[in-house]
Protein backbone atom coordinates (compact mmCIF):
# COMPACT_ATOMS: atom_id res chain seq x y z
CA MET A 1 -72.70 -96.00 -37.58
CA LEU A 2 -73.93 -92.53 -37.41
CA LYS A 3 -75.54 -92.66 -40.65
CA ASN A 4 -77.35 -96.39 -38.54
CA VAL A 5 -78.02 -93.25 -35.58
CA THR A 6 -79.95 -90.85 -38.57
CA VAL A 7 -82.43 -93.56 -39.93
CA TYR A 8 -82.89 -94.83 -36.01
CA LEU A 9 -83.81 -91.69 -35.52
CA ALA A 10 -86.25 -90.62 -38.59
CA PHE A 11 -87.90 -93.28 -38.38
CA LEU A 12 -88.56 -93.05 -34.59
CA LEU A 13 -89.87 -89.70 -34.87
CA LEU A 14 -91.68 -90.16 -37.74
CA PHE A 15 -93.79 -93.04 -36.65
CA THR A 16 -94.12 -91.91 -32.37
CA GLY A 17 -94.35 -88.15 -34.05
CA CYS A 18 -98.56 -89.78 -34.52
CA HIS A 19 -99.16 -90.55 -31.61
CA THR A 20 -97.53 -88.29 -29.04
CA ASN A 21 -95.48 -85.11 -28.72
CA LYS A 22 -93.44 -86.19 -26.49
CA PHE A 23 -90.08 -88.66 -27.32
CA LYS A 24 -87.34 -90.78 -25.78
CA ILE A 25 -83.81 -91.54 -27.42
CA SER A 26 -81.11 -93.19 -25.73
CA GLY A 27 -78.35 -95.24 -27.45
CA LYS A 28 -75.30 -96.28 -26.30
CA LEU A 29 -72.10 -95.45 -29.09
CA THR A 30 -68.75 -97.35 -28.77
CA GLY A 31 -66.03 -95.81 -29.88
CA ALA A 32 -66.95 -92.25 -28.27
CA LYS A 33 -64.98 -89.98 -26.34
CA PRO A 34 -66.76 -89.05 -23.57
CA GLY A 35 -67.54 -85.32 -23.43
CA GLU A 36 -68.19 -85.58 -26.96
CA LEU A 37 -71.50 -83.56 -28.02
CA ILE A 38 -74.46 -85.21 -30.52
CA PHE A 39 -76.60 -83.33 -31.84
CA LEU A 40 -80.06 -83.88 -32.81
CA ASP A 41 -80.30 -81.51 -36.28
CA GLU A 42 -84.47 -80.93 -36.93
CA LEU A 43 -84.29 -81.23 -41.37
CA LYS A 44 -86.30 -78.34 -43.27
CA SER A 45 -86.40 -77.97 -46.61
CA ASN A 46 -82.99 -76.79 -46.86
CA LEU A 47 -81.05 -76.28 -44.15
CA LEU A 48 -80.95 -78.82 -40.93
CA LYS A 49 -81.40 -76.63 -37.37
CA THR A 50 -79.58 -77.69 -34.63
CA ALA A 51 -82.94 -79.22 -32.47
CA ASP A 52 -80.97 -80.42 -29.00
CA SER A 53 -77.06 -81.16 -27.87
CA VAL A 54 -75.67 -84.19 -25.31
CA LYS A 55 -72.53 -84.96 -23.90
CA VAL A 56 -71.32 -89.20 -24.40
CA SER A 57 -71.30 -90.65 -20.79
CA GLU A 58 -67.66 -92.33 -19.29
CA ASN A 59 -69.98 -95.41 -21.24
CA GLY A 60 -70.40 -93.85 -23.71
CA ALA A 61 -74.49 -93.32 -23.70
CA PHE A 62 -76.28 -90.59 -24.26
CA SER A 63 -80.22 -89.80 -24.29
CA PHE A 64 -82.56 -87.01 -25.73
CA LYS A 65 -86.02 -86.05 -24.09
CA GLY A 66 -88.16 -83.71 -25.84
CA GLU A 67 -91.29 -81.82 -27.18
CA VAL A 68 -92.05 -81.28 -30.83
CA LYS A 69 -95.35 -79.67 -32.79
CA ALA A 70 -95.41 -81.47 -35.35
CA PRO A 71 -94.04 -84.93 -36.82
CA SER A 72 -90.67 -83.90 -38.99
CA PHE A 73 -87.65 -85.71 -39.77
CA TYR A 74 -84.56 -85.52 -37.31
CA GLN A 75 -81.31 -86.45 -38.28
CA GLY A 76 -78.22 -87.32 -34.93
CA ILE A 77 -74.78 -86.17 -35.36
């Protein structure tokens, strides 16, 4: 499940990053515990840098909003 989220986030940010610097990523996870953290990590050349984190809501929903300086690759964990 998390692999699918990672691929989706990378795809979304790659193509939307070409048009605007603002982004919003939202979704719903099944089986996630309320209050569990999801991290959005930027993939650097040899490390992962945490860009943001959010808590999963009671119904499994989450949402990231932000702005990037340049197109990059991200992964959700």
